[in-house]
Amino acid sequence: LVANITSGGSTNYADSVKGRFTISRDSAKNTMYLQMYSLK
C-alpha cells in the first residue's frame, strides 16, 4: 500500500513515501491522483 484516502479526506501513507507523495481525490469526477516528488 502506498497511500489511501477516505471519503472524508483522511489520508494514510507508507513510511517510505511520507513527505514525498500526496494522494488526492475529486469525488465529483470519481478520480484520484498520486503526486510523486523526489522520486527514488
PDB file of all heavy atoms in Angstrom:
ATOM      1  N   LEU A   1       0.846  -1.178   0.000  1.00  0.00           N
ATOM      2  CA  LEU A   1       0.000   0.000   0.000  1.00  0.00           C
ATOM      3  C   LEU A   1       0.888   1.236   0.000  1.00  0.00           C
ATOM      4  O   LEU A   1       1.809   1.340   0.819  1.00  0.00           O
ATOM      5  CB  LEU A   1      -0.919   0.000   1.223  1.00  0.00           C
ATOM      6  CG  LEU A   1      -1.959   1.104   1.304  1.00  0.00           C
ATOM      7  CD1 LEU A   1      -3.223   0.584   1.985  1.00  0.00           C
ATOM      8  CD2 LEU A   1      -1.446   2.321   2.038  1.00  0.00           C
ATOM      9  N   VAL A   2       0.618   2.150  -0.901  1.00  0.00           N
ATOM     10  CA  VAL A   2       1.378   3.386  -0.984  1.00  0.00           C
ATOM     11  C   VAL A   2       0.668   4.492  -0.220  1.00  0.00           C
ATOM     12  O   VAL A   2       1.270   5.186   0.603  1.00  0.00           O
ATOM     13  CB  VAL A   2       1.569   3.814  -2.453  1.00  0.00           C
ATOM     14  CG1 VAL A   2       2.283   5.157  -2.545  1.00  0.00           C
ATOM     15  CG2 VAL A   2       2.335   2.737  -3.223  1.00  0.00           C
ATOM     16  N   ALA A   3      -0.625   4.658  -0.506  1.00  0.00           N
ATOM     17  CA  ALA A   3      -1.400   5.705   0.145  1.00  0.00           C
ATOM     18  C   ALA A   3      -2.880   5.416  -0.026  1.00  0.00           C
ATOM     19  O   ALA A   3      -3.277   4.768  -0.997  1.00  0.00           O
ATOM     20  CB  ALA A   3      -1.072   7.074  -0.458  1.00  0.00           C
ATOM     21  N   ASN A   4      -3.683   5.896   0.905  1.00  0.00           N
ATOM     22  CA  ASN A   4      -5.120   5.825   0.728  1.00  0.00           C
ATOM     23  C   ASN A   4      -5.770   7.095   1.232  1.00  0.00           C
ATOM     24  O   ASN A   4      -5.187   7.854   2.001  1.00  0.00           O
ATOM     25  CB  ASN A   4      -5.721   4.577   1.378  1.00  0.00           C
ATOM     26  CG  ASN A   4      -5.514   4.515   2.882  1.00  0.00           C
ATOM     27  OD1 ASN A   4      -5.515   5.532   3.555  1.00  0.00           O
ATOM     28  ND2 ASN A   4      -5.363   3.323   3.390  1.00  0.00           N
ATOM     29  N   ILE A   5      -6.991   7.292   0.768  1.00  0.00           N
ATOM     30  CA  ILE A   5      -7.761   8.469   1.161  1.00  0.00           C
ATOM     31  C   ILE A   5      -9.209   8.051   1.327  1.00  0.00           C
ATOM     32  O   ILE A   5      -9.762   7.341   0.488  1.00  0.00           O
ATOM     33  CB  ILE A   5      -7.602   9.621   0.138  1.00  0.00           C
ATOM     34  CG1 ILE A   5      -8.333  10.879   0.600  1.00  0.00           C
ATOM     35  CG2 ILE A   5      -8.052   9.196  -1.262  1.00  0.00           C
ATOM     36  CD1 ILE A   5      -7.950  12.131  -0.178  1.00  0.00           C
ATOM     37  N   THR A   6      -9.808   8.479   2.431  1.00  0.00           N
ATOM     38  CA  THR A   6     -11.190   8.105   2.712  1.00  0.00           C
ATOM     39  C   THR A   6     -12.152   9.117   2.096  1.00  0.00           C
ATOM     40  O   THR A   6     -11.746  10.162   1.589  1.00  0.00           O
ATOM     41  CB  THR A   6     -11.428   8.049   4.222  1.00  0.00           C
ATOM     42  OG1 THR A   6     -11.342   9.382   4.743  1.00  0.00           O
ATOM     43  CG2 THR A   6     -10.403   7.159   4.906  1.00  0.00           C
ATOM     44  N   SER A   7     -13.436   8.791   2.188  1.00  0.00           N
ATOM     45  CA  SER A   7     -14.453   9.705   1.667  1.00  0.00           C
ATOM     46  C   SER A   7     -14.437  11.036   2.415  1.00  0.00           C
ATOM     47  O   SER A   7     -14.806  12.064   1.861  1.00  0.00           O
ATOM     48  CB  SER A   7     -15.832   9.062   1.762  1.00  0.00           C
ATOM     49  OG  SER A   7     -16.107   8.687   3.096  1.00  0.00           O
ATOM     50  N   GLY A   8     -13.979  10.986   3.657  1.00  0.00           N
ATOM     51  CA  GLY A   8     -13.899  12.218   4.434  1.00  0.00           C
ATOM     52  C   GLY A   8     -12.626  13.004   4.214  1.00  0.00           C
ATOM     53  O   GLY A   8     -12.459  14.088   4.783  1.00  0.00           O
ATOM     54  N   GLY A   9     -11.724  12.455   3.434  1.00  0.00           N
ATOM     55  CA  GLY A   9     -10.492  13.156   3.117  1.00  0.00           C
ATOM     56  C   GLY A   9      -9.298  12.787   3.971  1.00  0.00           C
ATOM     57  O   GLY A   9      -8.201  13.348   3.787  1.00  0.00           O
ATOM     58  N   SER A  10      -9.464  11.852   4.885  1.00  0.00           N
ATOM     59  CA  SER A  10      -8.322  11.411   5.692  1.00  0.00           C
ATOM     60  C   SER A  10      -7.367  10.600   4.832  1.00  0.00           C
ATOM     61  O   SER A  10      -7.796   9.801   4.005  1.00  0.00           O
ATOM     62  CB  SER A  10      -8.805  10.559   6.863  1.00  0.00           C
ATOM     63  OG  SER A  10      -9.619  11.313   7.725  1.00  0.00           O
ATOM     64  N   THR A  11      -6.080  10.823   5.063  1.00  0.00           N
ATOM     65  CA  THR A  11      -5.074  10.154   4.245  1.00  0.00           C
ATOM     66  C   THR A  11      -4.131   9.321   5.105  1.00  0.00           C
ATOM     67  O   THR A  11      -3.961   9.576   6.307  1.00  0.00           O
ATOM     68  CB  THR A  11      -4.247  11.169   3.445  1.00  0.00           C
ATOM     69  OG1 THR A  11      -3.633  12.093   4.360  1.00  0.00           O
ATOM     70  CG2 THR A  11      -5.116  11.935   2.468  1.00  0.00           C
ATOM     71  N   ASN A  12      -3.523   8.362   4.454  1.00  0.00           N
ATOM     72  CA  ASN A  12      -2.555   7.498   5.115  1.00  0.00           C
ATOM     73  C   ASN A  12      -1.487   7.145   4.093  1.00  0.00           C
ATOM     74  O   ASN A  12      -1.804   6.913   2.912  1.00  0.00           O
ATOM     75  CB  ASN A  12      -3.246   6.225   5.602  1.00  0.00           C
ATOM     76  CG  ASN A  12      -2.280   5.267   6.261  1.00  0.00           C
ATOM     77  OD1 ASN A  12      -1.613   5.605   7.221  1.00  0.00           O
ATOM     78  ND2 ASN A  12      -2.182   4.057   5.727  1.00  0.00           N
ATOM     79  N   TYR A  13      -0.223   7.121   4.540  1.00  0.00           N
ATOM     80  CA  TYR A  13       0.886   6.875   3.623  1.00  0.00           C
ATOM     81  C   TYR A  13       1.828   5.814   4.172  1.00  0.00           C
ATOM     82  O   TYR A  13       2.015   5.706   5.387  1.00  0.00           O
ATOM     83  CB  TYR A  13       1.695   8.153   3.401  1.00  0.00           C
ATOM     84  CG  TYR A  13       0.940   9.269   2.731  1.00  0.00           C
ATOM     85  CD1 TYR A  13       0.255  10.220   3.476  1.00  0.00           C
ATOM     86  CD2 TYR A  13       0.910   9.368   1.342  1.00  0.00           C
ATOM     87  CE1 TYR A  13      -0.451  11.234   2.861  1.00  0.00           C
ATOM     88  CE2 TYR A  13       0.211  10.387   0.715  1.00  0.00           C
ATOM     89  CZ  TYR A  13      -0.468  11.311   1.483  1.00  0.00           C
ATOM     90  OH  TYR A  13      -1.165  12.324   0.858  1.00  0.00           O
ATOM     91  N   ALA A  14       2.428   5.080   3.260  1.00  0.00           N
ATOM     92  CA  ALA A  14       3.519   4.202   3.650  1.00  0.00           C
ATOM     93  C   ALA A  14       4.679   5.064   4.136  1.00  0.00           C
ATOM     94  O   ALA A  14       4.899   6.172   3.627  1.00  0.00           O
ATOM     95  CB  ALA A  14       3.969   3.354   2.462  1.00  0.00           C
ATOM     96  N   ASP A  15       5.411   4.577   5.116  1.00  0.00           N
ATOM     97  CA  ASP A  15       6.530   5.349   5.654  1.00  0.00           C
ATOM     98  C   ASP A  15       7.528   5.731   4.565  1.00  0.00           C
ATOM     99  O   ASP A  15       8.125   6.808   4.608  1.00  0.00           O
ATOM    100  CB  ASP A  15       7.239   4.548   6.748  1.00  0.00           C
ATOM    101  CG  ASP A  15       6.422   4.450   8.022  1.00  0.00           C
ATOM    102  OD1 ASP A  15       5.475   5.256   8.194  1.00  0.00           O
ATOM    103  OD2 ASP A  15       6.720   3.580   8.854  1.00  0.00           O
ATOM    104  N   SER A  16       7.698   4.858   3.614  1.00  0.00           N
ATOM    105  CA  SER A  16       8.707   5.078   2.578  1.00  0.00           C
ATOM    106  C   SER A  16       8.377   6.248   1.641  1.00  0.00           C
ATOM    107  O   SER A  16       9.259   6.737   0.927  1.00  0.00           O
ATOM    108  CB  SER A  16       8.892   3.807   1.745  1.00  0.00           C
ATOM    109  OG  SER A  16       7.665   3.421   1.147  1.00  0.00           O
ATOM    110  N   VAL A  17       7.123   6.699   1.642  1.00  0.00           N
ATOM    111  CA  VAL A  17       6.741   7.789   0.730  1.00  0.00           C
ATOM    112  C   VAL A  17       6.267   9.037   1.456  1.00  0.00           C
ATOM    113  O   VAL A  17       5.987  10.053   0.805  1.00  0.00           O
ATOM    114  CB  VAL A  17       5.664   7.322  -0.273  1.00  0.00           C
ATOM    115  CG1 VAL A  17       6.097   6.056  -0.987  1.00  0.00           C
ATOM    116  CG2 VAL A  17       4.311   7.129   0.393  1.00  0.00           C
ATOM    117  N   LYS A  18       6.190   8.984   2.760  1.00  0.00           N
ATOM    118  CA  LYS A  18       5.716  10.150   3.520  1.00  0.00           C
ATOM    119  C   LYS A  18       6.590  11.360   3.234  1.00  0.00           C
ATOM    120  O   LYS A  18       7.818  11.267   3.228  1.00  0.00           O
ATOM    121  CB  LYS A  18       5.728   9.839   5.016  1.00  0.00           C
ATOM    122  CG  LYS A  18       4.542   9.054   5.495  1.00  0.00           C
ATOM    123  CD  LYS A  18       4.615   8.807   6.997  1.00  0.00           C
ATOM    124  CE  LYS A  18       3.451   7.963   7.467  1.00  0.00           C
ATOM    125  NZ  LYS A  18       3.552   7.622   8.897  1.00  0.00           N
ATOM    126  N   GLY A  19       5.924  12.481   3.005  1.00  0.00           N
ATOM    127  CA  GLY A  19       6.651  13.705   2.730  1.00  0.00           C
ATOM    128  C   GLY A  19       7.039  13.874   1.276  1.00  0.00           C
ATOM    129  O   GLY A  19       7.495  14.949   0.876  1.00  0.00           O
ATOM    130  N   ARG A  20       6.878  12.813   0.486  1.00  0.00           N
ATOM    131  CA  ARG A  20       7.233  12.902  -0.941  1.00  0.00           C
ATOM    132  C   ARG A  20       6.026  12.707  -1.862  1.00  0.00           C
ATOM    133  O   ARG A  20       5.992  13.265  -2.960  1.00  0.00           O
ATOM    134  CB  ARG A  20       8.281  11.835  -1.284  1.00  0.00           C
ATOM    135  CG  ARG A  20       9.574  11.957  -0.517  1.00  0.00           C
ATOM    136  CD  ARG A  20      10.641  11.000  -1.046  1.00  0.00           C
ATOM    137  NE  ARG A  20      10.255   9.606  -0.910  1.00  0.00           N
ATOM    138  CZ  ARG A  20      10.125   8.762  -1.939  1.00  0.00           C
ATOM    139  NH1 ARG A  20      10.364   9.174  -3.175  1.00  0.00           N
ATOM    140  NH2 ARG A  20       9.780   7.500  -1.730  1.00  0.00           N
ATOM    141  N   PHE A  21       5.060  11.916  -1.428  1.00  0.00           N
ATOM    142  CA  PHE A  21       3.872  11.620  -2.241  1.00  0.00           C
ATOM    143  C   PHE A  21       2.649  12.264  -1.603  1.00  0.00           C
ATOM    144  O   PHE A  21       2.549  12.362  -0.378  1.00  0.00           O
ATOM    145  CB  PHE A  21       3.637  10.115  -2.321  1.00  0.00           C
ATOM    146  CG  PHE A  21       4.639   9.345  -3.139  1.00  0.00           C
ATOM    147  CD1 PHE A  21       5.835   9.901  -3.571  1.00  0.00           C
ATOM    148  CD2 PHE A  21       4.383   8.016  -3.464  1.00  0.00           C
ATOM    149  CE1 PHE A  21       6.747   9.174  -4.311  1.00  0.00           C
ATOM    150  CE2 PHE A  21       5.292   7.273  -4.198  1.00  0.00           C
ATOM    151  CZ  PHE A  21       6.475   7.864  -4.622  1.00  0.00           C
ATOM    152  N   THR A  22       1.713  12.662  -2.454  1.00  0.00           N
ATOM    153  CA  THR A  22       0.445  13.207  -1.978  1.00  0.00           C
ATOM    154  C   THR A  22      -0.699  12.569  -2.752  1.00  0.00           C
ATOM    155  O   THR A  22      -0.726  12.605  -3.985  1.00  0.00           O
ATOM    156  CB  THR A  22       0.388  14.728  -2.166  1.00  0.00           C
ATOM    157  OG1 THR A  22       1.467  15.334  -1.437  1.00  0.00           O
ATOM    158  CG2 THR A  22      -0.938  15.280  -1.646  1.00  0.00           C
ATOM    159  N   ILE A  23      -1.629  11.991  -2.013  1.00  0.00           N
ATOM    160  CA  ILE A  23      -2.825  11.424  -2.616  1.00  0.00           C
ATOM    161  C   ILE A  23      -3.956  12.437  -2.520  1.00  0.00           C
ATOM    162  O   ILE A  23      -4.072  13.171  -1.541  1.00  0.00           O
ATOM    163  CB  ILE A  23      -3.219  10.091  -1.944  1.00  0.00           C
ATOM    164  CG1 ILE A  23      -4.350   9.399  -2.702  1.00  0.00           C
ATOM    165  CG2 ILE A  23      -3.584  10.284  -0.477  1.00  0.00           C
ATOM    166  CD1 ILE A  23      -4.652   7.988  -2.205  1.00  0.00           C
ATOM    167  N   SER A  24      -4.775  12.491  -3.562  1.00  0.00           N
ATOM    168  CA  SER A  24      -5.928  13.390  -3.545  1.00  0.00           C
ATOM    169  C   SER A  24      -7.045  12.757  -4.363  1.00  0.00           C
ATOM    170  O   SER A  24      -6.822  11.788  -5.106  1.00  0.00           O
ATOM    171  CB  SER A  24      -5.565  14.772  -4.087  1.00  0.00           C
ATOM    172  OG  SER A  24      -5.115  14.682  -5.431  1.00  0.00           O
ATOM    173  N   ARG A  25      -8.228  13.312  -4.214  1.00  0.00           N
ATOM    174  CA  ARG A  25      -9.372  12.780  -4.940  1.00  0.00           C
ATOM    175  C   ARG A  25     -10.300  13.907  -5.353  1.00  0.00           C
ATOM    176  O   ARG A  25     -10.379  14.932  -4.672  1.00  0.00           O
ATOM    177  CB  ARG A  25     -10.127  11.756  -4.093  1.00  0.00           C
ATOM    178  CG  ARG A  25     -10.746  12.313  -2.828  1.00  0.00           C
ATOM    179  CD  ARG A  25     -11.267  11.206  -1.925  1.00  0.00           C
ATOM    180  NE  ARG A  25     -12.518  10.640  -2.402  1.00  0.00           N
ATOM    181  CZ  ARG A  25     -13.097   9.565  -1.869  1.00  0.00           C
ATOM    182  NH1 ARG A  25     -12.525   8.939  -0.862  1.00  0.00           N
ATOM    183  NH2 ARG A  25     -14.246   9.116  -2.341  1.00  0.00           N
ATOM    184  N   ASP A  26     -10.973  13.682  -6.462  1.00  0.00           N
ATOM    185  CA  ASP A  26     -12.052  14.553  -6.905  1.00  0.00           C
ATOM    186  C   ASP A  26     -13.283  13.661  -6.962  1.00  0.00           C
ATOM    187  O   ASP A  26     -13.520  12.964  -7.952  1.00  0.00           O
ATOM    188  CB  ASP A  26     -11.729  15.151  -8.274  1.00  0.00           C
ATOM    189  CG  ASP A  26     -12.769  16.155  -8.735  1.00  0.00           C
ATOM    190  OD1 ASP A  26     -13.937  16.065  -8.260  1.00  0.00           O
ATOM    191  OD2 ASP A  26     -12.442  17.015  -9.543  1.00  0.00           O
ATOM    192  N   SER A  27     -14.041  13.668  -5.883  1.00  0.00           N
ATOM    193  CA  SER A  27     -15.175  12.746  -5.783  1.00  0.00           C
ATOM    194  C   SER A  27     -16.225  13.009  -6.857  1.00  0.00           C
ATOM    195  O   SER A  27     -16.849  12.070  -7.352  1.00  0.00           O
ATOM    196  CB  SER A  27     -15.794  12.846  -4.394  1.00  0.00           C
ATOM    197  OG  SER A  27     -14.872  12.431  -3.404  1.00  0.00           O
ATOM    198  N   ALA A  28     -16.410  14.256  -7.218  1.00  0.00           N
ATOM    199  CA  ALA A  28     -17.414  14.582  -8.237  1.00  0.00           C
ATOM    200  C   ALA A  28     -17.071  13.945  -9.574  1.00  0.00           C
ATOM    201  O   ALA A  28     -17.952  13.619 -10.366  1.00  0.00           O
ATOM    202  CB  ALA A  28     -17.539  16.089  -8.376  1.00  0.00           C
ATOM    203  N   LYS A  29     -15.780  13.771  -9.824  1.00  0.00           N
ATOM    204  CA  LYS A  29     -15.324  13.190 -11.084  1.00  0.00           C
ATOM    205  C   LYS A  29     -14.926  11.725 -10.944  1.00  0.00           C
ATOM    206  O   LYS A  29     -14.452  11.128 -11.907  1.00  0.00           O
ATOM    207  CB  LYS A  29     -14.131  13.985 -11.627  1.00  0.00           C
ATOM    208  CG  LYS A  29     -14.445  15.421 -11.989  1.00  0.00           C
ATOM    209  CD  LYS A  29     -13.209  16.118 -12.553  1.00  0.00           C
ATOM    210  CE  LYS A  29     -13.514  17.551 -12.946  1.00  0.00           C
ATOM    211  NZ  LYS A  29     -12.313  18.252 -13.475  1.00  0.00           N
ATOM    212  N   ASN A  30     -15.100  11.170  -9.738  1.00  0.00           N
ATOM    213  CA  ASN A  30     -14.654   9.782  -9.497  1.00  0.00           C
ATOM    214  C   ASN A  30     -13.218   9.584  -9.969  1.00  0.00           C
ATOM    215  O   ASN A  30     -12.900   8.617 -10.679  1.00  0.00           O
ATOM    216  CB  ASN A  30     -15.585   8.789 -10.202  1.00  0.00           C
ATOM    217  CG  ASN A  30     -16.857   8.521  -9.416  1.00  0.00           C
ATOM    218  OD1 ASN A  30     -17.666   7.667  -9.785  1.00  0.00           O
ATOM    219  ND2 ASN A  30     -17.048   9.235  -8.324  1.00  0.00           N
ATOM    220  N   THR A  31     -12.368  10.499  -9.560  1.00  0.00           N
ATOM    221  CA  THR A  31     -10.968  10.476  -9.990  1.00  0.00           C
ATOM    222  C   THR A  31     -10.067  10.624  -8.771  1.00  0.00           C
ATOM    223  O   THR A  31     -10.401  11.342  -7.832  1.00  0.00           O
ATOM    224  CB  THR A  31     -10.687  11.600 -10.986  1.00  0.00           C
ATOM    225  OG1 THR A  31     -11.544  11.442 -12.122  1.00  0.00           O
ATOM    226  CG2 THR A  31      -9.244  11.566 -11.462  1.00  0.00           C
ATOM    227  N   MET A  32      -8.952   9.923  -8.810  1.00  0.00           N
ATOM    228  CA  MET A  32      -7.958  10.049  -7.756  1.00  0.00           C
ATOM    229  C   MET A  32      -6.601  10.320  -8.381  1.00  0.00           C
ATOM    230  O   MET A  32      -6.381  10.001  -9.561  1.00  0.00           O
ATOM    231  CB  MET A  32      -7.904   8.787  -6.893  1.00  0.00           C
ATOM    232  CG  MET A  32      -7.570   7.524  -7.671  1.00  0.00           C
ATOM    233  SD  MET A  32      -7.845   6.011  -6.737  1.00  0.00           S
ATOM    234  CE  MET A  32      -6.485   6.050  -5.593  1.00  0.00           C
ATOM    235  N   TYR A  33      -5.705  10.883  -7.585  1.00  0.00           N
ATOM    236  CA  TYR A  33      -4.397  11.266  -8.075  1.00  0.00           C
ATOM    237  C   TYR A  33      -3.320  10.843  -7.077  1.00  0.00           C
ATOM    238  O   TYR A  33      -3.586  10.693  -5.881  1.00  0.00           O
ATOM    239  CB  TYR A  33      -4.315  12.785  -8.264  1.00  0.00           C
ATOM    240  CG  TYR A  33      -5.410  13.364  -9.119  1.00  0.00           C
ATOM    241  CD1 TYR A  33      -6.565  13.889  -8.539  1.00  0.00           C
ATOM    242  CD2 TYR A  33      -5.306  13.368 -10.504  1.00  0.00           C
ATOM    243  CE1 TYR A  33      -7.588  14.408  -9.315  1.00  0.00           C
ATOM    244  CE2 TYR A  33      -6.319  13.888 -11.297  1.00  0.00           C
ATOM    245  CZ  TYR A  33      -7.459  14.406 -10.692  1.00  0.00           C
ATOM    246  OH  TYR A  33      -8.471  14.913 -11.474  1.00  0.00           O
ATOM    247  N   LEU A  34      -2.128  10.678  -7.599  1.00  0.00           N
ATOM    248  CA  LEU A  34      -0.961  10.480  -6.748  1.00  0.00           C
ATOM    249  C   LEU A  34       0.150  11.371  -7.293  1.00  0.00           C
ATOM    250  O   LEU A  34       0.689  11.095  -8.373  1.00  0.00           O
ATOM    251  CB  LEU A  34      -0.518   9.019  -6.727  1.00  0.00           C
ATOM    252  CG  LEU A  34       0.604   8.706  -5.736  1.00  0.00           C
ATOM    253  CD1 LEU A  34       0.106   8.845  -4.290  1.00  0.00           C
ATOM    254  CD2 LEU A  34       1.162   7.298  -5.963  1.00  0.00           C
ATOM    255  N   GLN A  35       0.428  12.434  -6.564  1.00  0.00           N
ATOM    256  CA  GLN A  35       1.528  13.325  -6.933  1.00  0.00           C
ATOM    257  C   GLN A  35       2.785  12.815  -6.247  1.00  0.00           C
ATOM    258  O   GLN A  35       2.811  12.683  -5.026  1.00  0.00           O
ATOM    259  CB  GLN A  35       1.219  14.752  -6.503  1.00  0.00           C
ATOM    260  CG  GLN A  35       2.322  15.735  -6.825  1.00  0.00           C
ATOM    261  CD  GLN A  35       2.495  15.949  -8.313  1.00  0.00           C
ATOM    262  OE1 GLN A  35       1.566  16.319  -9.004  1.00  0.00           O
ATOM    263  NE2 GLN A  35       3.710  15.714  -8.809  1.00  0.00           N
ATOM    264  N   MET A  36       3.809  12.567  -7.053  1.00  0.00           N
ATOM    265  CA  MET A  36       5.043  11.986  -6.527  1.00  0.00           C
ATOM    266  C   MET A  36       6.204  12.944  -6.776  1.00  0.00           C
ATOM    267  O   MET A  36       6.455  13.328  -7.927  1.00  0.00           O
ATOM    268  CB  MET A  36       5.315  10.636  -7.193  1.00  0.00           C
ATOM    269  CG  MET A  36       4.167   9.644  -7.049  1.00  0.00           C
ATOM    270  SD  MET A  36       4.514   8.027  -7.758  1.00  0.00           S
ATOM    271  CE  MET A  36       4.532   8.420  -9.499  1.00  0.00           C
ATOM    272  N   TYR A  37       6.871  13.323  -5.720  1.00  0.00           N
ATOM    273  CA  TYR A  37       8.042  14.195  -5.794  1.00  0.00           C
ATOM    274  C   TYR A  37       9.270  13.440  -5.301  1.00  0.00           C
ATOM    275  O   TYR A  37       9.167  12.426  -4.621  1.00  0.00           O
ATOM    276  CB  TYR A  37       7.846  15.439  -4.923  1.00  0.00           C
ATOM    277  CG  TYR A  37       6.734  16.356  -5.336  1.00  0.00           C
ATOM    278  CD1 TYR A  37       5.533  16.381  -4.622  1.00  0.00           C
ATOM    279  CD2 TYR A  37       6.873  17.209  -6.424  1.00  0.00           C
ATOM    280  CE1 TYR A  37       4.504  17.243  -4.985  1.00  0.00           C
ATOM    281  CE2 TYR A  37       5.847  18.069  -6.791  1.00  0.00           C
ATOM    282  CZ  TYR A  37       4.674  18.076  -6.073  1.00  0.00           C
ATOM    283  OH  TYR A  37       3.654  18.924  -6.442  1.00  0.00           O
ATOM    284  N   SER A  38      10.435  14.002  -5.609  1.00  0.00           N
ATOM    285  CA  SER A  38      11.705  13.445  -5.116  1.00  0.00           C
ATOM    286  C   SER A  38      11.770  11.939  -5.307  1.00  0.00           C
ATOM    287  O   SER A  38      12.105  11.188  -4.384  1.00  0.00           O
ATOM    288  CB  SER A  38      11.874  13.792  -3.622  1.00  0.00           C
ATOM    289  OG  SER A  38      11.844  15.178  -3.427  1.00  0.00           O
ATOM    290  N   LEU A  39      11.450  11.511  -6.499  1.00  0.00           N
ATOM    291  CA  LEU A  39      11.403  10.081  -6.783  1.00  0.00           C
ATOM    292  C   LEU A  39      12.772   9.434  -6.650  1.00  0.00           C
ATOM    293  O   LEU A  39      13.807  10.049  -6.965  1.00  0.00           O
ATOM    294  CB  LEU A  39      10.815   9.839  -8.165  1.00  0.00           C
ATOM    295  CG  LEU A  39       9.291   9.995  -8.232  1.00  0.00           C
ATOM    296  CD1 LEU A  39       8.817  10.221  -9.646  1.00  0.00           C
ATOM    297  CD2 LEU A  39       8.619   8.773  -7.630  1.00  0.00           C
ATOM    298  N   LYS A  40      12.747   8.189  -6.183  1.00  0.00           N
ATOM    299  CA  LYS A  40      13.965   7.414  -5.971  1.00  0.00           C
ATOM    300  C   LYS A  40      13.905   6.146  -6.814  1.00  0.00           C
ATOM    301  O   LYS A  40      12.805   5.666  -7.132  1.00  0.00           O
ATOM    302  CB  LYS A  40      14.076   7.035  -4.496  1.00  0.00           C
ATOM    303  CG  LYS A  40      14.032   8.202  -3.526  1.00  0.00           C
ATOM    304  CD  LYS A  40      14.040   7.695  -2.094  1.00  0.00           C
ATOM    305  CE  LYS A  40      13.967   8.856  -1.095  1.00  0.00           C
ATOM    306  NZ  LYS A  40      13.976   8.376   0.303  1.00  0.00           N
TER     307      LYS A  40
END
